[in-house]
Amino acid sequence: MRNRLMLLFAALAFVLAFGGAGCRRHRARADEPAPGQLRSVVAMSDAQASTQLLSGFHLVEEGAWRWTERQFSISLATPPGAGQKGATLAVKLTVPPVSIERLKSLKLSAAVNGAALDPETYSAPGDYVYRRELPARLLTGDAVRVDFSLDKAIPPGNPDIRELGVVVLSIGLQTR
């Protein structure tokens, strides 16, 4: 009986000493960039990627999304192969009912490294994806700057002192 008890204590000590070590360590997925490395897809909730939000984004809300201002910009890593095949820019966004009530419609325009993309107009509240195909010639560097502009935004005032454009969940580039 005493030997069994000693074996049980030894096994328990081993599990406590080494068994939980794997649980505490964060194991990066093969497709996950290292901390500080630019991402080609940025979720607004990703605190590590917040440095890629260059201007015009408000603080993250509900751990998932951000309001923008009328003009907002982001830096995105060029995904592998995009310099040869091109890529798709996708912005997952929401046009809140308050925006349509106050502004009637919103037109979103974008430019990648200064090259203008076709705008899109939203005249109803809802969830949308602004999607544009980008030619390979715009994606030759390690990163691209994407500048967005709305034709109008809710001005600062009561009750919110921020300029409010649209709600963004993610912005990203994917190789075609």
N, C-alpha and C. Protein backbone atom coordinates (compact mmCIF):
# COMPACT_ATOMS: atom_id res chain seq x y z
N MET A 1 0.82 -1.20 0.00
CA MET A 1 0.00 0.00 0.00
C MET A 1 0.86 1.26 0.00
N ARG A 2 1.91 1.22 0.79
CA ARG A 2 2.78 2.38 0.87
C ARG A 2 3.45 2.65 -0.48
N ASN A 3 3.86 1.62 -1.21
CA ASN A 3 4.47 1.80 -2.53
C ASN A 3 3.49 2.41 -3.52
N ARG A 4 2.24 1.97 -3.45
CA ARG A 4 1.21 2.55 -4.33
C ARG A 4 1.02 4.03 -4.05
N LEU A 5 0.98 4.38 -2.80
CA LEU A 5 0.81 5.77 -2.40
C LEU A 5 1.99 6.62 -2.88
N MET A 6 3.19 6.09 -2.77
CA MET A 6 4.37 6.82 -3.24
C MET A 6 4.34 6.97 -4.76
N LEU A 7 3.92 5.93 -5.47
CA LEU A 7 3.80 6.00 -6.93
C LEU A 7 2.75 7.05 -7.32
N LEU A 8 1.62 7.07 -6.62
CA LEU A 8 0.57 8.04 -6.89
C LEU A 8 1.08 9.47 -6.69
N PHE A 9 1.79 9.71 -5.59
CA PHE A 9 2.35 11.04 -5.35
C PHE A 9 3.39 11.41 -6.40
N ALA A 10 4.21 10.46 -6.81
CA ALA A 10 5.22 10.73 -7.84
C ALA A 10 4.56 11.07 -9.17
N ALA A 11 3.51 10.33 -9.52
CA ALA A 11 2.79 10.59 -10.77
C ALA A 11 2.12 11.96 -10.72
N LEU A 12 1.51 12.26 -9.59
CA LEU A 12 0.86 13.57 -9.43
C LEU A 12 1.88 14.71 -9.53
N ALA A 13 3.04 14.53 -8.89
CA ALA A 13 4.09 15.55 -8.96
C ALA A 13 4.57 15.74 -10.39
N PHE A 14 4.71 14.66 -11.13
CA PHE A 14 5.15 14.74 -12.53
C PHE A 14 4.14 15.50 -13.38
N VAL A 15 2.85 15.17 -13.21
CA VAL A 15 1.80 15.85 -13.97
C VAL A 15 1.78 17.34 -13.64
N LEU A 16 1.87 17.66 -12.36
CA LEU A 16 1.85 19.07 -11.98
C LEU A 16 3.07 19.82 -12.50
N ALA A 17 4.22 19.16 -12.52
CA ALA A 17 5.45 19.82 -12.94
C ALA A 17 5.53 19.97 -14.46
N PHE A 18 5.09 18.95 -15.21
CA PHE A 18 5.31 18.96 -16.65
C PHE A 18 4.03 18.88 -17.48
N GLY A 19 2.97 18.41 -16.91
CA GLY A 19 1.75 18.19 -17.68
C GLY A 19 1.08 19.47 -18.15
N GLY A 20 1.13 20.51 -17.36
CA GLY A 20 0.46 21.75 -17.73
C GLY A 20 1.32 22.69 -18.55
N ALA A 21 2.59 22.35 -18.74
CA ALA A 21 3.49 23.27 -19.45
C ALA A 21 3.03 23.56 -20.85
N GLY A 22 2.51 22.57 -21.54
CA GLY A 22 2.05 22.78 -22.92
C GLY A 22 0.82 23.66 -22.99
N CYS A 23 0.02 23.67 -21.94
CA CYS A 23 -1.20 24.46 -21.95
C CYS A 23 -0.91 25.95 -21.81
N ARG A 24 0.16 26.29 -21.10
CA ARG A 24 0.45 27.70 -20.86
C ARG A 24 1.11 28.37 -22.05
N ARG A 25 1.76 27.61 -22.88
CA ARG A 25 2.47 28.17 -24.02
C ARG A 25 1.51 28.40 -25.18
N HIS A 26 1.64 29.53 -25.82
CA HIS A 26 0.87 29.80 -27.03
C HIS A 26 1.61 29.20 -28.21
N ARG A 27 0.93 28.34 -28.92
CA ARG A 27 1.55 27.73 -30.10
C ARG A 27 1.01 28.42 -31.33
N ALA A 28 1.87 29.10 -32.04
CA ALA A 28 1.46 29.83 -33.24
C ALA A 28 1.13 28.85 -34.35
N ARG A 29 0.05 29.12 -35.05
CA ARG A 29 -0.27 28.32 -36.23
C ARG A 29 0.72 28.68 -37.31
N ALA A 30 0.88 27.78 -38.26
CA ALA A 30 1.86 27.99 -39.33
C ALA A 30 1.53 29.25 -40.14
N ASP A 31 0.24 29.58 -40.28
CA ASP A 31 -0.14 30.74 -41.08
C ASP A 31 -0.28 32.02 -40.25
N GLU A 32 0.01 31.95 -38.95
CA GLU A 32 -0.12 33.11 -38.08
C GLU A 32 1.21 33.87 -38.02
N PRO A 33 1.19 35.17 -38.31
CA PRO A 33 2.44 35.95 -38.27
C PRO A 33 2.98 36.05 -36.85
N ALA A 34 4.27 36.23 -36.76
CA ALA A 34 4.91 36.44 -35.46
C ALA A 34 4.48 37.79 -34.91
N PRO A 35 4.52 37.96 -33.59
CA PRO A 35 4.17 39.26 -33.02
C PRO A 35 5.01 40.38 -33.65
N GLY A 36 4.35 41.47 -33.98
CA GLY A 36 5.04 42.60 -34.59
C GLY A 36 5.14 42.53 -36.10
N GLN A 37 4.86 41.37 -36.68
CA GLN A 37 4.93 41.20 -38.13
C GLN A 37 3.60 41.65 -38.75
N LEU A 38 3.69 42.35 -39.89
CA LEU A 38 2.47 42.81 -40.56
C LEU A 38 1.62 41.64 -41.00
N ARG A 39 0.32 41.84 -40.89
CA ARG A 39 -0.65 40.84 -41.33
C ARG A 39 -1.27 41.30 -42.64
N SER A 40 -1.70 40.35 -43.44
CA SER A 40 -2.40 40.70 -44.68
C SER A 40 -3.91 40.80 -44.43
N VAL A 41 -4.38 40.23 -43.34
CA VAL A 41 -5.78 40.36 -42.92
C VAL A 41 -5.77 40.84 -41.48
N VAL A 42 -6.49 41.92 -41.22
CA VAL A 42 -6.52 42.51 -39.88
C VAL A 42 -7.95 42.50 -39.36
N ALA A 43 -8.15 41.76 -38.28
CA ALA A 43 -9.42 41.82 -37.56
C ALA A 43 -9.33 43.01 -36.61
N MET A 44 -10.38 43.78 -36.52
CA MET A 44 -10.35 44.97 -35.68
C MET A 44 -10.14 44.63 -34.21
N SER A 45 -10.41 43.38 -33.83
CA SER A 45 -10.23 42.95 -32.45
C SER A 45 -8.80 42.53 -32.13
N ASP A 46 -7.94 42.41 -33.13
CA ASP A 46 -6.58 41.91 -32.96
C ASP A 46 -5.68 43.02 -32.41
N ALA A 47 -5.38 42.96 -31.13
CA ALA A 47 -4.56 44.00 -30.49
C ALA A 47 -3.15 44.05 -31.09
N GLN A 48 -2.60 42.91 -31.49
CA GLN A 48 -1.25 42.89 -32.05
C GLN A 48 -1.19 43.58 -33.40
N ALA A 49 -2.30 43.61 -34.13
CA ALA A 49 -2.31 44.22 -35.46
C ALA A 49 -2.76 45.68 -35.42
N SER A 50 -3.07 46.21 -34.24
CA SER A 50 -3.60 47.57 -34.17
C SER A 50 -2.60 48.62 -34.66
N THR A 51 -1.31 48.31 -34.66
CA THR A 51 -0.32 49.26 -35.17
C THR A 51 -0.45 49.44 -36.68
N GLN A 52 -1.15 48.52 -37.35
CA GLN A 52 -1.36 48.63 -38.79
C GLN A 52 -2.48 49.62 -39.12
N LEU A 53 -3.27 50.00 -38.12
CA LEU A 53 -4.34 50.97 -38.30
C LEU A 53 -3.68 52.35 -38.26
N LEU A 54 -3.50 52.96 -39.41
CA LEU A 54 -2.71 54.18 -39.51
C LEU A 54 -3.45 55.42 -39.05
N SER A 55 -4.74 55.52 -39.40
CA SER A 55 -5.51 56.70 -38.99
C SER A 55 -6.99 56.44 -39.20
N GLY A 56 -7.80 57.21 -38.46
CA GLY A 56 -9.24 57.21 -38.69
C GLY A 56 -10.03 56.07 -38.08
N PHE A 57 -9.44 55.31 -37.17
CA PHE A 57 -10.16 54.23 -36.49
C PHE A 57 -10.34 54.60 -35.03
N HIS A 58 -11.55 54.36 -34.50
CA HIS A 58 -11.79 54.56 -33.08
C HIS A 58 -11.43 53.28 -32.33
N LEU A 59 -11.49 53.32 -31.01
CA LEU A 59 -11.15 52.17 -30.19
C LEU A 59 -12.07 50.99 -30.48
N VAL A 60 -11.56 49.78 -30.24
CA VAL A 60 -12.34 48.57 -30.47
C VAL A 60 -13.53 48.55 -29.50
N GLU A 61 -14.67 48.10 -30.00
CA GLU A 61 -15.89 48.02 -29.19
C GLU A 61 -16.39 46.58 -29.19
N GLU A 62 -16.91 46.19 -28.04
CA GLU A 62 -17.43 44.83 -27.84
C GLU A 62 -16.43 43.76 -28.26
N GLY A 63 -15.15 44.11 -28.21
CA GLY A 63 -14.09 43.16 -28.52
C GLY A 63 -14.07 42.68 -29.95
N ALA A 64 -14.76 43.39 -30.87
CA ALA A 64 -14.88 42.85 -32.22
C ALA A 64 -14.81 43.86 -33.35
N TRP A 65 -15.22 45.09 -33.16
CA TRP A 65 -15.34 46.02 -34.28
C TRP A 65 -14.93 47.43 -33.86
N ARG A 66 -14.77 48.27 -34.88
CA ARG A 66 -14.41 49.67 -34.64
C ARG A 66 -15.23 50.58 -35.56
N TRP A 67 -15.64 51.71 -35.01
CA TRP A 67 -16.16 52.78 -35.84
C TRP A 67 -14.98 53.41 -36.56
N THR A 68 -15.24 53.93 -37.75
CA THR A 68 -14.23 54.70 -38.46
C THR A 68 -14.65 56.17 -38.47
N GLU A 69 -13.72 57.00 -38.86
CA GLU A 69 -14.04 58.39 -39.20
C GLU A 69 -14.37 58.43 -40.69
N ARG A 70 -14.55 59.62 -41.23
CA ARG A 70 -14.86 59.74 -42.66
C ARG A 70 -13.70 59.24 -43.51
N GLN A 71 -12.47 59.48 -43.07
CA GLN A 71 -11.28 58.98 -43.77
C GLN A 71 -10.52 58.08 -42.81
N PHE A 72 -10.09 56.91 -43.32
CA PHE A 72 -9.33 55.97 -42.50
C PHE A 72 -8.35 55.21 -43.38
N SER A 73 -7.23 54.80 -42.76
CA SER A 73 -6.14 54.17 -43.51
C SER A 73 -5.57 52.99 -42.74
N ILE A 74 -5.04 52.04 -43.50
CA ILE A 74 -4.46 50.83 -42.92
C ILE A 74 -3.27 50.39 -43.76
N SER A 75 -2.32 49.72 -43.13
CA SER A 75 -1.20 49.11 -43.83
C SER A 75 -1.39 47.60 -43.77
N LEU A 76 -1.27 46.92 -44.91
CA LEU A 76 -1.46 45.48 -44.97
C LEU A 76 -0.24 44.82 -45.60
N ALA A 77 0.15 43.68 -45.08
CA ALA A 77 1.22 42.91 -45.70
C ALA A 77 0.72 42.38 -47.04
N THR A 78 1.60 42.37 -48.01
CA THR A 78 1.27 41.77 -49.30
C THR A 78 1.31 40.26 -49.13
N PRO A 79 0.20 39.56 -49.42
CA PRO A 79 0.22 38.11 -49.23
C PRO A 79 1.13 37.41 -50.24
N PRO A 80 1.66 36.25 -49.89
CA PRO A 80 2.55 35.52 -50.80
C PRO A 80 1.89 35.28 -52.16
N GLY A 81 2.64 35.54 -53.23
CA GLY A 81 2.16 35.30 -54.59
C GLY A 81 1.32 36.42 -55.18
N ALA A 82 0.92 37.41 -54.36
CA ALA A 82 0.07 38.48 -54.86
C ALA A 82 0.79 39.36 -55.88
N GLY A 83 2.12 39.47 -55.77
CA GLY A 83 2.90 40.25 -56.72
C GLY A 83 2.90 39.66 -58.12
N GLN A 84 2.53 38.40 -58.24
CA GLN A 84 2.44 37.73 -59.54
C GLN A 84 0.98 37.51 -59.97
N LYS A 85 0.11 37.19 -59.01
CA LYS A 85 -1.27 36.79 -59.34
C LYS A 85 -2.31 37.88 -59.08
N GLY A 86 -1.95 38.88 -58.29
CA GLY A 86 -2.93 39.87 -57.86
C GLY A 86 -3.59 39.40 -56.57
N ALA A 87 -4.50 40.20 -56.06
CA ALA A 87 -5.17 39.86 -54.79
C ALA A 87 -6.56 40.47 -54.76
N THR A 88 -7.31 40.07 -53.77
CA THR A 88 -8.63 40.62 -53.52
C THR A 88 -8.60 41.38 -52.21
N LEU A 89 -9.04 42.63 -52.24
CA LEU A 89 -9.21 43.43 -51.04
C LEU A 89 -10.64 43.21 -50.55
N ALA A 90 -10.80 42.87 -49.29
CA ALA A 90 -12.14 42.67 -48.72
C ALA A 90 -12.24 43.41 -47.40
N VAL A 91 -13.28 44.22 -47.27
CA VAL A 91 -13.57 44.96 -46.05
C VAL A 91 -14.93 44.50 -45.55
N LYS A 92 -14.95 43.85 -44.39
CA LYS A 92 -16.22 43.46 -43.78
C LYS A 92 -16.68 44.63 -42.94
N LEU A 93 -17.84 45.16 -43.27
CA LEU A 93 -18.31 46.36 -42.60
C LEU A 93 -19.80 46.31 -42.36
N THR A 94 -20.23 47.17 -41.48
CA THR A 94 -21.66 47.35 -41.20
C THR A 94 -21.99 48.83 -41.36
N VAL A 95 -23.10 49.08 -42.04
CA VAL A 95 -23.65 50.43 -42.10
C VAL A 95 -24.79 50.45 -41.08
N PRO A 96 -24.59 51.09 -39.94
CA PRO A 96 -25.61 51.10 -38.89
C PRO A 96 -26.85 51.89 -39.31
N PRO A 97 -28.01 51.53 -38.76
CA PRO A 97 -29.24 52.28 -39.07
C PRO A 97 -29.11 53.78 -38.82
N VAL A 98 -28.42 54.18 -37.75
CA VAL A 98 -28.27 55.61 -37.45
C VAL A 98 -27.59 56.35 -38.60
N SER A 99 -26.65 55.70 -39.27
CA SER A 99 -25.95 56.35 -40.39
C SER A 99 -26.91 56.63 -41.54
N ILE A 100 -27.76 55.68 -41.86
CA ILE A 100 -28.71 55.88 -42.95
C ILE A 100 -29.79 56.88 -42.54
N GLU A 101 -30.25 56.80 -41.28
CA GLU A 101 -31.26 57.76 -40.81
C GLU A 101 -30.75 59.19 -40.92
N ARG A 102 -29.50 59.41 -40.55
CA ARG A 102 -28.96 60.77 -40.53
C ARG A 102 -28.39 61.22 -41.87
N LEU A 103 -27.80 60.28 -42.65
CA LEU A 103 -27.07 60.66 -43.87
C LEU A 103 -27.73 60.20 -45.16
N LYS A 104 -28.72 59.32 -45.08
CA LYS A 104 -29.47 58.77 -46.22
C LYS A 104 -28.69 57.75 -47.04
N SER A 105 -27.42 58.01 -47.30
CA SER A 105 -26.57 57.05 -48.02
C SER A 105 -25.11 57.40 -47.74
N LEU A 106 -24.24 56.43 -48.01
CA LEU A 106 -22.80 56.63 -47.85
C LEU A 106 -22.09 56.03 -49.05
N LYS A 107 -21.09 56.75 -49.55
CA LYS A 107 -20.27 56.22 -50.64
C LYS A 107 -18.87 55.98 -50.10
N LEU A 108 -18.41 54.71 -50.20
CA LEU A 108 -17.08 54.34 -49.75
C LEU A 108 -16.15 54.23 -50.95
N SER A 109 -15.04 54.95 -50.88
CA SER A 109 -13.99 54.90 -51.91
C SER A 109 -12.72 54.39 -51.26
N ALA A 110 -11.84 53.81 -52.08
CA ALA A 110 -10.56 53.32 -51.56
C ALA A 110 -9.47 53.54 -52.60
N ALA A 111 -8.24 53.62 -52.11
CA ALA A 111 -7.06 53.72 -52.97
C ALA A 111 -5.97 52.85 -52.36
N VAL A 112 -5.32 52.06 -53.22
CA VAL A 112 -4.22 51.21 -52.78
C VAL A 112 -2.93 51.80 -53.32
N ASN A 113 -2.05 52.20 -52.41
CA ASN A 113 -0.81 52.87 -52.80
C ASN A 113 -1.07 54.00 -53.79
N GLY A 114 -2.16 54.72 -53.58
CA GLY A 114 -2.51 55.87 -54.41
C GLY A 114 -3.35 55.55 -55.63
N ALA A 115 -3.53 54.28 -55.99
CA ALA A 115 -4.35 53.89 -57.15
C ALA A 115 -5.80 53.75 -56.72
N ALA A 116 -6.67 54.58 -57.31
CA ALA A 116 -8.08 54.60 -56.92
C ALA A 116 -8.81 53.33 -57.35
N LEU A 117 -9.70 52.87 -56.47
CA LEU A 117 -10.57 51.72 -56.75
C LEU A 117 -11.99 52.22 -56.91
N ASP A 118 -12.82 51.44 -57.56
CA ASP A 118 -14.22 51.84 -57.75
C ASP A 118 -14.92 51.99 -56.40
N PRO A 119 -15.71 53.06 -56.25
CA PRO A 119 -16.44 53.26 -55.00
C PRO A 119 -17.70 52.37 -54.95
N GLU A 120 -18.29 52.31 -53.78
CA GLU A 120 -19.55 51.60 -53.60
C GLU A 120 -20.45 52.44 -52.71
N THR A 121 -21.74 52.50 -53.08
CA THR A 121 -22.71 53.30 -52.33
C THR A 121 -23.63 52.38 -51.54
N TYR A 122 -23.87 52.77 -50.28
CA TYR A 122 -24.76 52.03 -49.39
C TYR A 122 -25.92 52.94 -49.03
N SER A 123 -27.14 52.48 -49.31
CA SER A 123 -28.32 53.30 -49.01
C SER A 123 -29.29 52.59 -48.07
N ALA A 124 -28.86 51.47 -47.51
CA ALA A 124 -29.67 50.74 -46.53
C ALA A 124 -28.74 50.24 -45.43
N PRO A 125 -29.24 50.19 -44.21
CA PRO A 125 -28.40 49.64 -43.14
C PRO A 125 -28.18 48.15 -43.36
N GLY A 126 -27.05 47.64 -42.84
CA GLY A 126 -26.80 46.21 -42.95
C GLY A 126 -25.33 45.88 -42.98
N ASP A 127 -25.07 44.58 -43.11
CA ASP A 127 -23.70 44.07 -43.20
C ASP A 127 -23.32 43.94 -44.67
N TYR A 128 -22.10 44.36 -44.98
CA TYR A 128 -21.63 44.37 -46.37
C TYR A 128 -20.17 43.92 -46.42
N VAL A 129 -19.75 43.55 -47.63
CA VAL A 129 -18.34 43.32 -47.89
C VAL A 129 -17.98 44.17 -49.11
N TYR A 130 -17.11 45.16 -48.88
CA TYR A 130 -16.55 45.95 -49.98
C TYR A 130 -15.41 45.12 -50.53
N ARG A 131 -15.56 44.64 -51.77
CA ARG A 131 -14.58 43.72 -52.35
C ARG A 131 -14.11 44.26 -53.69
N ARG A 132 -12.78 44.32 -53.85
CA ARG A 132 -12.20 44.79 -55.10
C ARG A 132 -11.01 43.91 -55.48
N GLU A 133 -10.91 43.60 -56.78
CA GLU A 133 -9.78 42.84 -57.29
C GLU A 133 -8.63 43.81 -57.56
N LEU A 134 -7.44 43.44 -57.11
CA LEU A 134 -6.27 44.29 -57.28
C LEU A 134 -5.29 43.64 -58.24
N PRO A 135 -4.80 44.40 -59.22
CA PRO A 135 -3.81 43.84 -60.13
C PRO A 135 -2.47 43.64 -59.43
N ALA A 136 -1.70 42.69 -59.94
CA ALA A 136 -0.39 42.36 -59.36
C ALA A 136 0.53 43.58 -59.30
N ARG A 137 0.43 44.49 -60.26
CA ARG A 137 1.33 45.65 -60.30
C ARG A 137 1.21 46.54 -59.06
N LEU A 138 0.08 46.48 -58.34
CA LEU A 138 -0.09 47.28 -57.13
C LEU A 138 0.48 46.58 -55.90
N LEU A 139 0.93 45.33 -56.06
CA LEU A 139 1.28 44.51 -54.91
C LEU A 139 2.71 44.00 -54.95
N THR A 140 3.62 44.81 -55.43
CA THR A 140 5.00 44.36 -55.62
C THR A 140 5.87 44.50 -54.37
N GLY A 141 5.47 45.31 -53.42
CA GLY A 141 6.27 45.50 -52.21
C GLY A 141 5.85 44.54 -51.10
N ASP A 142 6.49 44.68 -49.94
CA ASP A 142 6.15 43.84 -48.79
C ASP A 142 4.83 44.25 -48.15
N ALA A 143 4.43 45.51 -48.35
CA ALA A 143 3.21 46.02 -47.73
C ALA A 143 2.57 47.05 -48.65
N VAL A 144 1.28 47.26 -48.44
CA VAL A 144 0.55 48.29 -49.17
C VAL A 144 -0.19 49.18 -48.18
N ARG A 145 -0.40 50.41 -48.57
CA ARG A 145 -1.22 51.33 -47.80
C ARG A 145 -2.57 51.42 -48.50
N VAL A 146 -3.63 51.26 -47.72
CA VAL A 146 -4.99 51.38 -48.26
C VAL A 146 -5.65 52.55 -47.55
N ASP A 147 -6.05 53.55 -48.35
CA ASP A 147 -6.73 54.73 -47.83
C ASP A 147 -8.20 54.66 -48.22
N PHE A 148 -9.07 54.82 -47.25
CA PHE A 148 -10.51 54.79 -47.48
C PHE A 148 -11.08 56.17 -47.23
N SER A 149 -12.16 56.47 -47.93
CA SER A 149 -12.82 57.76 -47.76
C SER A 149 -14.32 57.57 -47.95
N LEU A 150 -15.08 58.13 -47.04
CA LEU A 150 -16.54 58.17 -47.17
C LEU A 150 -16.90 59.56 -47.66
N ASP A 151 -17.96 59.67 -48.44
CA ASP A 151 -18.36 60.99 -48.92
C ASP A 151 -18.93 61.86 -47.82
N LYS A 152 -19.37 61.22 -46.71
CA LYS A 152 -19.88 61.98 -45.56
C LYS A 152 -19.86 61.08 -44.33
N ALA A 153 -19.98 61.69 -43.17
CA ALA A 153 -19.98 60.96 -41.89
C ALA A 153 -20.84 61.74 -40.91
N ILE A 154 -21.23 61.06 -39.85
CA ILE A 154 -21.98 61.73 -38.79
C ILE A 154 -20.99 62.63 -38.04
N PRO A 155 -21.27 63.92 -37.99
CA PRO A 155 -20.33 64.83 -37.32
C PRO A 155 -20.33 64.63 -35.81
N PRO A 156 -19.25 65.03 -35.16
CA PRO A 156 -19.21 64.96 -33.69
C PRO A 156 -20.34 65.81 -33.10
N GLY A 157 -20.88 65.35 -32.03
CA GLY A 157 -21.96 66.10 -31.39
C GLY A 157 -22.54 65.32 -30.24
N ASN A 158 -23.76 65.63 -29.92
CA ASN A 158 -24.43 64.99 -28.81
C ASN A 158 -25.21 63.79 -29.31
N PRO A 159 -25.12 62.61 -28.80
CA PRO A 159 -24.43 62.23 -27.57
C PRO A 159 -22.98 61.78 -27.80
N ASP A 160 -22.57 61.53 -29.05
CA ASP A 160 -21.22 61.01 -29.31
C ASP A 160 -20.34 62.15 -29.83
N ILE A 161 -19.18 62.33 -29.22
CA ILE A 161 -18.30 63.43 -29.61
C ILE A 161 -17.34 63.03 -30.73
N ARG A 162 -17.48 61.81 -31.25
CA ARG A 162 -16.60 61.33 -32.33
C ARG A 162 -17.28 61.52 -33.68
N GLU A 163 -16.47 61.71 -34.72
CA GLU A 163 -16.97 61.63 -36.09
C GLU A 163 -17.17 60.14 -36.37
N LEU A 164 -18.35 59.77 -36.93
CA LEU A 164 -18.67 58.36 -37.15
C LEU A 164 -18.96 58.09 -38.62
N GLY A 165 -18.22 57.13 -39.16
CA GLY A 165 -18.41 56.74 -40.56
C GLY A 165 -19.16 55.43 -40.67
N VAL A 166 -18.41 54.32 -40.74
CA VAL A 166 -18.99 52.99 -40.79
C VAL A 166 -18.34 52.14 -39.69
N VAL A 167 -18.89 50.97 -39.45
CA VAL A 167 -18.34 50.02 -38.50
C VAL A 167 -17.59 48.96 -39.29
N VAL A 168 -16.32 48.73 -38.93
CA VAL A 168 -15.50 47.76 -39.64
C VAL A 168 -15.15 46.60 -38.72
N LEU A 169 -15.28 45.38 -39.26
CA LEU A 169 -14.90 44.17 -38.53
C LEU A 169 -13.52 43.66 -38.94
N SER A 170 -13.23 43.73 -40.25
CA SER A 170 -11.91 43.29 -40.72
C SER A 170 -11.63 43.90 -42.09
N ILE A 171 -10.33 43.97 -42.39
CA ILE A 171 -9.86 44.44 -43.70
C ILE A 171 -8.71 43.51 -44.09
N GLY A 172 -8.72 43.01 -45.32
CA GLY A 172 -7.65 42.12 -45.68
C GLY A 172 -7.42 41.94 -47.16
N LEU A 173 -6.27 41.36 -47.45
CA LEU A 173 -5.88 41.01 -48.82
C LEU A 173 -5.69 39.50 -48.90
N GLN A 174 -6.20 38.90 -49.96
CA GLN A 174 -5.98 37.48 -50.20
C GLN A 174 -5.54 37.31 -51.65
N THR A 175 -4.51 36.49 -51.82
CA THR A 175 -4.01 36.20 -53.17
C THR A 175 -5.12 35.56 -53.99
N ARG A 176 -5.21 35.96 -55.26
CA ARG A 176 -6.21 35.35 -56.15
C ARG A 176 -5.80 33.97 -56.55
